[in-house]
C-alpha atoms as a PDB file:
ATOM      1  CA  UNK A   1     173.528  80.195  44.466  1.00  0.00           C
ATOM      2  CA  UNK A   2     173.608  77.269  46.916  1.00  0.00           C
ATOM      3  CA  UNK A   3     175.898  74.445  45.675  1.00  0.00           C
ATOM      4  CA  UNK A   4     174.412  70.926  45.512  1.00  0.00           C
ATOM      5  CA  UNK A   5     175.128  68.816  48.587  1.00  0.00           C
ATOM      6  CA  UNK A   6     177.434  66.604  46.500  1.00  0.00           C
ATOM      7  CA  UNK A   7     179.679  69.641  45.926  1.00  0.00           C
ATOM      8  CA  UNK A   8     179.453  71.114  49.431  1.00  0.00           C
ATOM      9  CA  UNK A   9     182.646  69.635  50.858  1.00  0.00           C
ATOM     10  CA  UNK A  10     184.810  71.171  48.115  1.00  0.00           C
ATOM     11  CA  UNK A  11     182.850  74.436  48.310  1.00  0.00           C
ATOM     12  CA  UNK A  12     183.430  74.466  52.071  1.00  0.00           C
ATOM     13  CA  UNK A  13     187.186  74.223  51.515  1.00  0.00           C
ATOM     14  CA  UNK A  14     187.052  77.205  49.157  1.00  0.00           C
ATOM     15  CA  UNK A  15     185.052  79.182  51.735  1.00  0.00           C
ATOM     16  CA  UNK A  16     187.548  78.176  54.438  1.00  0.00           C
ATOM     17  CA  UNK A  17     190.439  79.431  52.295  1.00  0.00           C
ATOM     18  CA  UNK A  18     188.730  82.835  52.009  1.00  0.00           C
ATOM     19  CA  UNK A  19     188.279  83.030  55.785  1.00  0.00           C
ATOM     20  CA  UNK A  20     191.817  81.767  56.432  1.00  0.00           C
ATOM     21  CA  UNK A  21     193.275  84.483  54.211  1.00  0.00           C
ATOM     22  CA  UNK A  22     191.704  87.193  56.372  1.00  0.00           C
ATOM     23  CA  UNK A  23     191.447  85.656  59.830  1.00  0.00           C
ATOM     24  CA  UNK A  24     193.904  82.772  60.117  1.00  0.00           C
ATOM     25  CA  UNK A  25     193.370  79.091  60.844  1.00  0.00           C
ATOM     26  CA  UNK A  26     193.124  76.474  63.613  1.00  0.00           C
ATOM     27  CA  UNK A  27     189.732  77.111  65.198  1.00  0.00           C
ATOM     28  CA  UNK A  28     188.216  74.934  67.922  1.00  0.00           C
ATOM     29  CA  UNK A  29     184.463  75.369  67.474  1.00  0.00           C
ATOM     30  CA  UNK A  30     181.836  77.120  65.393  1.00  0.00           C
ATOM     31  CA  UNK A  31     178.846  78.897  66.932  1.00  0.00           C
ATOM     32  CA  UNK A  32     175.636  79.567  64.991  1.00  0.00           C
ATOM     33  CA  UNK A  33     173.583  82.408  66.464  1.00  0.00           C
ATOM     34  CA  UNK A  34     169.797  82.329  66.479  1.00  0.00           C
ATOM     35  CA  UNK A  35     167.346  85.231  66.569  1.00  0.00           C
ATOM     36  CA  UNK A  36     168.153  87.912  69.137  1.00  0.00           C
ATOM     37  CA  UNK A  37     171.603  86.567  70.041  1.00  0.00           C
ATOM     38  CA  UNK A  38     173.777  88.879  67.951  1.00  0.00           C
ATOM     39  CA  UNK A  39     175.303  90.357  71.114  1.00  0.00           C
ATOM     40  CA  UNK A  40     177.459  87.258  71.501  1.00  0.00           C
ATOM     41  CA  UNK A  41     179.316  88.164  68.307  1.00  0.00           C
ATOM     42  CA  UNK A  42     180.190  91.524  69.892  1.00  0.00           C
ATOM     43  CA  UNK A  43     181.862  89.697  72.801  1.00  0.00           C
ATOM     44  CA  UNK A  44     184.445  87.981  70.575  1.00  0.00           C
ATOM     45  CA  UNK A  45     187.982  89.197  71.299  1.00  0.00           C
ATOM     46  CA  UNK A  46     190.528  90.025  68.580  1.00  0.00           C
ATOM     47  CA  UNK A  47     187.612  89.839  66.194  1.00  0.00           C
ATOM     48  CA  UNK A  48     187.878  89.710  62.420  1.00  0.00           C
ATOM     49  CA  UNK A  49     184.490  90.360  60.799  1.00  0.00           C
ATOM     50  CA  UNK A  50     183.724  89.049  57.330  1.00  0.00           C
ATOM     51  CA  UNK A  51     180.354  89.699  55.631  1.00  0.00           C
ATOM     52  CA  UNK A  52     178.816  86.529  54.231  1.00  0.00           C
ATOM     53  CA  UNK A  53     178.824  88.148  50.805  1.00  0.00           C
ATOM     54  CA  UNK A  54     182.644  88.103  50.857  1.00  0.00           C
ATOM     55  CA  UNK A  55     182.810  84.318  51.349  1.00  0.00           C
ATOM     56  CA  UNK A  56     182.503  82.231  48.135  1.00  0.00           C
ATOM     57  CA  UNK A  57     179.470  79.950  48.110  1.00  0.00           C
ATOM     58  CA  UNK A  58     178.162  81.205  51.438  1.00  0.00           C
ATOM     59  CA  UNK A  59     174.336  81.433  51.679  1.00  0.00           C
ATOM     60  CA  UNK A  60     172.755  84.797  52.427  1.00  0.00           C
ATOM     61  CA  UNK A  61     170.158  85.236  55.157  1.00  0.00           C
ATOM     62  CA  UNK A  62     167.192  87.505  54.623  1.00  0.00           C
ATOM     63  CA  UNK A  63     165.895  87.382  58.213  1.00  0.00           C
ATOM     64  CA  UNK A  64     165.782  90.806  59.867  1.00  0.00           C
ATOM     65  CA  UNK A  65     167.318  89.643  63.159  1.00  0.00           C
ATOM     66  CA  UNK A  66     170.349  87.993  61.518  1.00  0.00           C
ATOM     67  CA  UNK A  67     173.437  90.119  60.847  1.00  0.00           C
ATOM     68  CA  UNK A  68     174.869  88.059  57.989  1.00  0.00           C
ATOM     69  CA  UNK A  69     178.408  88.217  59.335  1.00  0.00           C
ATOM     70  CA  UNK A  70     181.170  85.736  60.196  1.00  0.00           C
ATOM     71  CA  UNK A  71     183.180  86.750  63.256  1.00  0.00           C
ATOM     72  CA  UNK A  72     186.508  85.002  63.926  1.00  0.00           C
ATOM     73  CA  UNK A  73     188.438  85.445  67.155  1.00  0.00           C
ATOM     74  CA  UNK A  74     188.597  84.261  70.764  1.00  0.00           C
ATOM     75  CA  UNK A  75     185.792  83.577  73.221  1.00  0.00           C
ATOM     76  CA  UNK A  76     186.032  81.754  76.532  1.00  0.00           C
ATOM     77  CA  UNK A  77     189.709  81.204  75.839  1.00  0.00           C
ATOM     78  CA  UNK A  78     189.075  79.286  72.607  1.00  0.00           C
ATOM     79  CA  UNK A  79     189.524  80.160  68.941  1.00  0.00           C
ATOM     80  CA  UNK A  80     185.992  80.395  67.560  1.00  0.00           C
ATOM     81  CA  UNK A  81     184.076  81.075  64.387  1.00  0.00           C
ATOM     82  CA  UNK A  82     180.773  82.809  65.168  1.00  0.00           C
ATOM     83  CA  UNK A  83     178.143  82.776  62.435  1.00  0.00           C
ATOM     84  CA  UNK A  84     175.876  85.734  63.157  1.00  0.00           C
ATOM     85  CA  UNK A  85     172.852  84.522  61.228  1.00  0.00           C
ATOM     86  CA  UNK A  86     171.885  81.453  59.248  1.00  0.00           C
ATOM     87  CA  UNK A  87     169.998  80.590  56.084  1.00  0.00           C
ATOM     88  CA  UNK A  88     166.645  78.895  56.734  1.00  0.00           C
ATOM     89  CA  UNK A  89     164.813  76.343  54.630  1.00  0.00           C
ATOM     90  CA  UNK A  90     161.797  78.653  54.489  1.00  0.00           C
ATOM     91  CA  UNK A  91     163.819  81.247  52.582  1.00  0.00           C
ATOM     92  CA  UNK A  92     164.339  79.064  49.497  1.00  0.00           C
ATOM     93  CA  UNK A  93     163.039  75.547  50.150  1.00  0.00           C
ATOM     94  CA  UNK A  94     166.525  74.012  50.352  1.00  0.00           C
ATOM     95  CA  UNK A  95     167.297  72.187  53.646  1.00  0.00           C
ATOM     96  CA  UNK A  96     170.954  71.862  52.566  1.00  0.00           C
ATOM     97  CA  UNK A  97     171.495  75.633  52.496  1.00  0.00           C
ATOM     98  CA  UNK A  98     173.898  75.481  55.458  1.00  0.00           C
ATOM     99  CA  UNK A  99     176.037  72.706  53.954  1.00  0.00           C
ATOM    100  CA  UNK A 100     178.854  75.034  52.881  1.00  0.00           C
ATOM    101  CA  UNK A 101     179.106  76.728  56.316  1.00  0.00           C
ATOM    102  CA  UNK A 102     179.241  73.349  58.084  1.00  0.00           C
ATOM    103  CA  UNK A 103     181.851  72.037  55.637  1.00  0.00           C
ATOM    104  CA  UNK A 104     183.777  75.297  56.059  1.00  0.00           C
ATOM    105  CA  UNK A 105     183.895  74.904  59.852  1.00  0.00           C
ATOM    106  CA  UNK A 106     185.305  71.399  59.477  1.00  0.00           C
ATOM    107  CA  UNK A 107     187.902  72.648  56.969  1.00  0.00           C
ATOM    108  CA  UNK A 108     188.968  75.377  59.423  1.00  0.00           C
ATOM    109  CA  UNK A 109     189.778  72.768  62.050  1.00  0.00           C
ATOM    110  CA  UNK A 110     186.652  72.962  64.209  1.00  0.00           C
ATOM    111  CA  UNK A 111     185.762  69.719  65.951  1.00  0.00           C
ATOM    112  CA  UNK A 112     182.278  70.831  66.987  1.00  0.00           C
ATOM    113  CA  UNK A 113     179.507  73.311  66.353  1.00  0.00           C
ATOM    114  CA  UNK A 114     177.299  75.035  68.927  1.00  0.00           C
ATOM    115  CA  UNK A 115     173.842  75.576  67.419  1.00  0.00           C
ATOM    116  CA  UNK A 116     171.492  78.119  68.997  1.00  0.00           C
ATOM    117  CA  UNK A 117     167.931  79.022  68.124  1.00  0.00           C
ATOM    118  CA  UNK A 118     164.800  80.770  69.292  1.00  0.00           C
ATOM    119  CA  UNK A 119     162.029  78.278  70.031  1.00  0.00           C
ATOM    120  CA  UNK A 120     158.476  77.945  71.247  1.00  0.00           C
ATOM    121  CA  UNK A 121     157.847  75.979  74.431  1.00  0.00           C
ATOM    122  CA  UNK A 122     155.377  73.101  74.712  1.00  0.00           C
ATOM    123  CA  UNK A 123     155.844  72.825  78.485  1.00  0.00           C
ATOM    124  CA  UNK A 124     154.044  74.958  81.049  1.00  0.00           C
ATOM    125  CA  UNK A 125     157.105  74.813  83.314  1.00  0.00           C
ATOM    126  CA  UNK A 126     159.441  76.090  80.569  1.00  0.00           C
ATOM    127  CA  UNK A 127     158.154  79.644  79.995  1.00  0.00           C
ATOM    128  CA  UNK A 128     159.544  82.419  77.785  1.00  0.00           C
ATOM    129  CA  UNK A 129     162.973  83.396  79.046  1.00  0.00           C
ATOM    130  CA  UNK A 130     163.987  79.787  79.715  1.00  0.00           C
ATOM    131  CA  UNK A 131     166.954  77.987  78.160  1.00  0.00           C
ATOM    132  CA  UNK A 132     166.788  74.397  76.883  1.00  0.00           C
ATOM    133  CA  UNK A 133     169.729  72.177  75.994  1.00  0.00           C
ATOM    134  CA  UNK A 134     168.719  70.075  72.997  1.00  0.00           C
ATOM    135  CA  UNK A 135     168.946  66.376  73.823  1.00  0.00           C
ATOM    136  CA  UNK A 136     167.377  65.132  70.575  1.00  0.00           C
ATOM    137  CA  UNK A 137     165.222  66.280  67.706  1.00  0.00           C
ATOM    138  CA  UNK A 138     162.189  65.213  65.683  1.00  0.00           C
ATOM    139  CA  UNK A 139     162.019  65.790  61.930  1.00  0.00           C
ATOM    140  CA  UNK A 140     158.821  64.630  60.240  1.00  0.00           C
ATOM    141  CA  UNK A 141     158.920  67.258  57.482  1.00  0.00           C
ATOM    142  CA  UNK A 142     159.969  64.808  54.766  1.00  0.00           C
ATOM    143  CA  UNK A 143     163.003  67.053  54.128  1.00  0.00           C
ATOM    144  CA  UNK A 144     166.606  66.001  54.646  1.00  0.00           C
ATOM    145  CA  UNK A 145     169.682  68.062  53.704  1.00  0.00           C
ATOM    146  CA  UNK A 146     171.618  64.959  52.628  1.00  0.00           C
ATOM    147  CA  UNK A 147     169.334  64.112  49.705  1.00  0.00           C
ATOM    148  CA  UNK A 148     171.635  64.141  46.689  1.00  0.00           C
ATOM    149  CA  UNK A 149     174.797  63.285  48.642  1.00  0.00           C
ATOM    150  CA  UNK A 150     176.736  60.329  47.275  1.00  0.00           C
ATOM    151  CA  UNK A 151     178.329  57.233  48.803  1.00  0.00           C
ATOM    152  CA  UNK A 152     177.779  55.430  52.076  1.00  0.00           C
ATOM    153  CA  UNK A 153     178.751  58.501  54.127  1.00  0.00           C
ATOM    154  CA  UNK A 154     175.257  59.896  53.536  1.00  0.00           C
ATOM    155  CA  UNK A 155     173.842  57.273  55.927  1.00  0.00           C
ATOM    156  CA  UNK A 156     174.672  59.282  59.032  1.00  0.00           C
ATOM    157  CA  UNK A 157     174.110  57.778  62.473  1.00  0.00           C
ATOM    158  CA  UNK A 158     171.907  60.186  64.450  1.00  0.00           C
ATOM    159  CA  UNK A 159     171.479  58.116  67.609  1.00  0.00           C
ATOM    160  CA  UNK A 160     173.621  60.589  69.574  1.00  0.00           C
ATOM    161  CA  UNK A 161     173.291  63.581  67.272  1.00  0.00           C
ATOM    162  CA  UNK A 162     173.608  66.032  70.180  1.00  0.00           C
ATOM    163  CA  UNK A 163     176.840  64.997  71.850  1.00  0.00           C
ATOM    164  CA  UNK A 164     176.153  63.781  75.431  1.00  0.00           C
ATOM    165  CA  UNK A 165     179.584  64.887  76.636  1.00  0.00           C
ATOM    166  CA  UNK A 166     179.154  68.408  75.293  1.00  0.00           C
ATOM    167  CA  UNK A 167     175.675  68.620  76.815  1.00  0.00           C
ATOM    168  CA  UNK A 168     177.160  67.553  80.159  1.00  0.00           C
ATOM    169  CA  UNK A 169     179.731  70.342  79.855  1.00  0.00           C
ATOM    170  CA  UNK A 170     176.944  72.822  79.052  1.00  0.00           C
ATOM    171  CA  UNK A 171     174.957  71.648  82.082  1.00  0.00           C
ATOM    172  CA  UNK A 172     177.977  72.073  84.342  1.00  0.00           C
ATOM    173  CA  UNK A 173     178.527  75.610  83.034  1.00  0.00           C
ATOM    174  CA  UNK A 174     174.873  76.493  83.678  1.00  0.00           C
ATOM    175  CA  UNK A 175     175.056  75.067  87.184  1.00  0.00           C
ATOM    176  CA  UNK A 176     178.230  77.015  87.922  1.00  0.00           C
ATOM    177  CA  UNK A 177     176.514  80.236  86.812  1.00  0.00           C
ATOM    178  CA  UNK A 178     173.288  79.321  88.624  1.00  0.00           C
ATOM    179  CA  UNK A 179     171.479  79.632  85.271  1.00  0.00           C
ATOM    180  CA  UNK A 180     168.406  77.472  84.841  1.00  0.00           C
ATOM    181  CA  UNK A 181     168.758  74.960  82.018  1.00  0.00           C
ATOM    182  CA  UNK A 182     166.151  72.442  80.918  1.00  0.00           C
ATOM    183  CA  UNK A 183     166.872  69.477  78.649  1.00  0.00           C
ATOM    184  CA  UNK A 184     164.455  68.417  75.966  1.00  0.00           C
ATOM    185  CA  UNK A 185     163.546  67.407  72.437  1.00  0.00           C
ATOM    186  CA  UNK A 186     163.304  70.011  69.679  1.00  0.00           C
ATOM    187  CA  UNK A 187     160.885  69.463  66.790  1.00  0.00           C
ATOM    188  CA  UNK A 188     161.569  71.116  63.446  1.00  0.00           C
ATOM    189  CA  UNK A 189     158.790  72.777  61.457  1.00  0.00           C
ATOM    190  CA  UNK A 190     160.233  74.419  58.318  1.00  0.00           C
ATOM    191  CA  UNK A 191     158.014  77.538  58.464  1.00  0.00           C
ATOM    192  CA  UNK A 192     157.765  80.378  57.740  1.00  0.00           C
ATOM    193  CA  UNK A 193     154.203  80.247  59.081  1.00  0.00           C
ATOM    194  CA  UNK A 194     153.965  79.359  62.741  1.00  0.00           C
ATOM    195  CA  UNK A 195     152.536  76.020  63.790  1.00  0.00           C
ATOM    196  CA  UNK A 196     148.810  75.498  64.320  1.00  0.00           C
ATOM    197  CA  UNK A 197     147.398  74.536  67.735  1.00  0.00           C
ATOM    198  CA  UNK A 198     146.578  71.089  66.316  1.00  0.00           C
ATOM    199  CA  UNK A 199     150.172  70.621  65.169  1.00  0.00           C
ATOM    200  CA  UNK A 200     151.385  71.603  68.617  1.00  0.00           C
ATOM    201  CA  UNK A 201     149.068  69.061  70.250  1.00  0.00           C
ATOM    202  CA  UNK A 202     150.455  66.416  67.893  1.00  0.00           C
ATOM    203  CA  UNK A 203     154.032  67.478  68.612  1.00  0.00           C
ATOM    204  CA  UNK A 204     153.432  67.124  72.331  1.00  0.00           C
ATOM    205  CA  UNK A 205     152.073  63.594  71.857  1.00  0.00           C
ATOM    206  CA  UNK A 206     155.182  62.739  69.808  1.00  0.00           C
ATOM    207  CA  UNK A 207     157.441  63.837  72.653  1.00  0.00           C
ATOM    208  CA  UNK A 208     158.536  67.328  71.630  1.00  0.00           C
ATOM    209  CA  UNK A 209     159.357  69.897  74.299  1.00  0.00           C
ATOM    210  CA  UNK A 210     160.048  72.860  71.977  1.00  0.00           C
ATOM    211  CA  UNK A 211     159.465  73.745  68.328  1.00  0.00           C
ATOM    212  CA  UNK A 212     161.274  75.947  65.841  1.00  0.00           C
ATOM    213  CA  UNK A 213     162.234  76.600  62.223  1.00  0.00           C
ATOM    214  CA  UNK A 214     165.979  75.887  62.183  1.00  0.00           C
ATOM    215  CA  UNK A 215     168.816  73.829  63.703  1.00  0.00           C
ATOM    216  CA  UNK A 216     167.820  70.335  62.554  1.00  0.00           C
ATOM    217  CA  UNK A 217     169.264  70.686  59.029  1.00  0.00           C
ATOM    218  CA  UNK A 218     172.521  72.063  60.467  1.00  0.00           C
ATOM    219  CA  UNK A 219     172.718  69.232  63.011  1.00  0.00           C
ATOM    220  CA  UNK A 220     172.385  66.617  60.259  1.00  0.00           C
ATOM    221  CA  UNK A 221     174.932  68.407  58.074  1.00  0.00           C
ATOM    222  CA  UNK A 222     177.349  68.870  60.965  1.00  0.00           C
ATOM    223  CA  UNK A 223     177.323  65.164  61.718  1.00  0.00           C
ATOM    224  CA  UNK A 224     177.823  64.426  58.006  1.00  0.00           C
ATOM    225  CA  UNK A 225     180.965  66.581  58.003  1.00  0.00           C
ATOM    226  CA  UNK A 226     182.267  65.005  61.217  1.00  0.00           C
ATOM    227  CA  UNK A 227     181.437  67.782  63.683  1.00  0.00           C
ATOM    228  CA  UNK A 228     180.146  67.106  67.173  1.00  0.00           C
ATOM    229  CA  UNK A 229     176.980  69.064  67.996  1.00  0.00           C
ATOM    230  CA  UNK A 230     175.708  70.896  71.050  1.00  0.00           C
ATOM    231  CA  UNK A 231     172.376  72.716  70.825  1.00  0.00           C
ATOM    232  CA  UNK A 232     170.677  75.410  72.883  1.00  0.00           C
ATOM    233  CA  UNK A 233     167.151  76.802  72.487  1.00  0.00           C
ATOM    234  CA  UNK A 234     166.199  80.180  73.918  1.00  0.00           C
ATOM    235  CA  UNK A 235     162.506  79.986  74.682  1.00  0.00           C
ATOM    236  CA  UNK A 236     160.765  83.077  73.311  1.00  0.00           C
ATOM    237  CA  UNK A 237     157.076  82.108  73.546  1.00  0.00           C
ATOM    238  CA  UNK A 238     154.594  79.426  74.416  1.00  0.00           C
ATOM    239  CA  UNK A 239     153.610  77.492  71.295  1.00  0.00           C
ATOM    240  CA  UNK A 240     150.380  78.044  69.380  1.00  0.00           C
ATOM    241  CA  UNK A 241     147.154  77.418  71.283  1.00  0.00           C
ATOM    242  CA  UNK A 242     148.742  77.364  74.728  1.00  0.00           C
ATOM    243  CA  UNK A 243     147.896  80.941  75.731  1.00  0.00           C
ATOM    244  CA  UNK A 244     145.311  82.096  73.193  1.00  0.00           C
ATOM    245  CA  UNK A 245     147.553  84.937  71.981  1.00  0.00           C
ATOM    246  CA  UNK A 246     148.835  85.402  68.452  1.00  0.00           C
ATOM    247  CA  UNK A 247     152.464  84.577  67.616  1.00  0.00           C
ATOM    248  CA  UNK A 248     154.827  86.958  65.839  1.00  0.00           C
ATOM    249  CA  UNK A 249     158.447  87.186  64.754  1.00  0.00           C
ATOM    250  CA  UNK A 250     158.664  90.502  66.586  1.00  0.00           C
ATOM    251  CA  UNK A 251     158.038  88.647  69.858  1.00  0.00           C
ATOM    252  CA  UNK A 252     160.722  86.121  68.899  1.00  0.00           C
ATOM    253  CA  UNK A 253     163.266  88.895  68.357  1.00  0.00           C
ATOM    254  CA  UNK A 254     162.315  90.812  71.508  1.00  0.00           C
ATOM    255  CA  UNK A 255     162.363  87.899  73.949  1.00  0.00           C
ATOM    256  CA  UNK A 256     165.375  86.353  72.227  1.00  0.00           C
ATOM    257  CA  UNK A 257     167.235  89.600  72.781  1.00  0.00           C
ATOM    258  CA  UNK A 258     166.191  89.651  76.437  1.00  0.00           C
ATOM    259  CA  UNK A 259     167.740  86.191  76.797  1.00  0.00           C
ATOM    260  CA  UNK A 260     171.005  87.343  75.253  1.00  0.00           C
ATOM    261  CA  UNK A 261     172.643  88.284  78.568  1.00  0.00           C
ATOM    262  CA  UNK A 262     172.223  84.753  79.912  1.00  0.00           C
ATOM    263  CA  UNK A 263     173.481  83.188  76.690  1.00  0.00           C
ATOM    264  CA  UNK A 264     176.427  85.600  76.549  1.00  0.00           C
ATOM    265  CA  UNK A 265     177.516  84.345  79.962  1.00  0.00           C
ATOM    266  CA  UNK A 266     176.694  80.662  79.420  1.00  0.00           C
ATOM    267  CA  UNK A 267     178.473  80.035  76.123  1.00  0.00           C
ATOM    268  CA  UNK A 268     181.853  81.498  77.208  1.00  0.00           C
ATOM    269  CA  UNK A 269     181.613  79.473  80.435  1.00  0.00           C
ATOM    270  CA  UNK A 270     180.961  76.366  78.314  1.00  0.00           C
ATOM    271  CA  UNK A 271     183.905  77.195  76.063  1.00  0.00           C
ATOM    272  CA  UNK A 272     186.284  77.482  79.006  1.00  0.00           C
ATOM    273  CA  UNK A 273     185.708  73.768  79.660  1.00  0.00           C
ATOM    274  CA  UNK A 274     185.286  72.694  76.026  1.00  0.00           C
ATOM    275  CA  UNK A 275     187.646  69.913  74.988  1.00  0.00           C
ATOM    276  CA  UNK A 276     188.621  70.425  71.346  1.00  0.00           C
ATOM    277  CA  UNK A 277     189.892  66.841  71.091  1.00  0.00           C
ATOM    278  CA  UNK A 278     186.777  65.298  72.588  1.00  0.00           C
END
């Protein structure tokens, strides 16, 4: 059962205690893996693997491409918590499902979270196989994970939700590796059905560069719990109506997996330059 947002901070501390008992403390950053990126969890050194079911209050994920495993260890020279899979709003209708994981990361000492996802491109020059650093997001769903939170802390400033300094570090890592990296705005559609061509045309008018079914709730929650955010979309398809072909989750998993090699080089390179103290 997912705790109410008002109880998430305390529930996150309980979850952190369970992780700490098995894997230790003092982590620098959390990493949330999107579809097809499970290989990054295998790259973690000195890894301690904890199934989500062993962590009190942790949400389960029923998506076939998500392992449902927390991996604690070292990557790019930093102590990291890798979340191999996430809970999505479309699984239960609750946009606050990832509140406990975000609160847990903060309780474990993380100062930031690296959010990844698989996304559909709205730009002809950003084809499948591309990577996009998230500069901002659009949420017109009417859903917000902080509904039910109490006190003035719920009024979270989102003007720089995706930390400019962290995005600069990510860009420098991509340039060093000679890996192409676009920057753009991600628009959240809660799914699970894909967007219609008309919705994609509207999203383009509103300024979106990519669309997907995750990330935005975690970004809001992360900022609520005091975490800096860096976001990366792996482009798995052109959005609905752009090519005339049908969309499928199988394509998302396949192309996301093909992107994994680039992501598995980029994120460690980013971590080598990541400043835990900001």
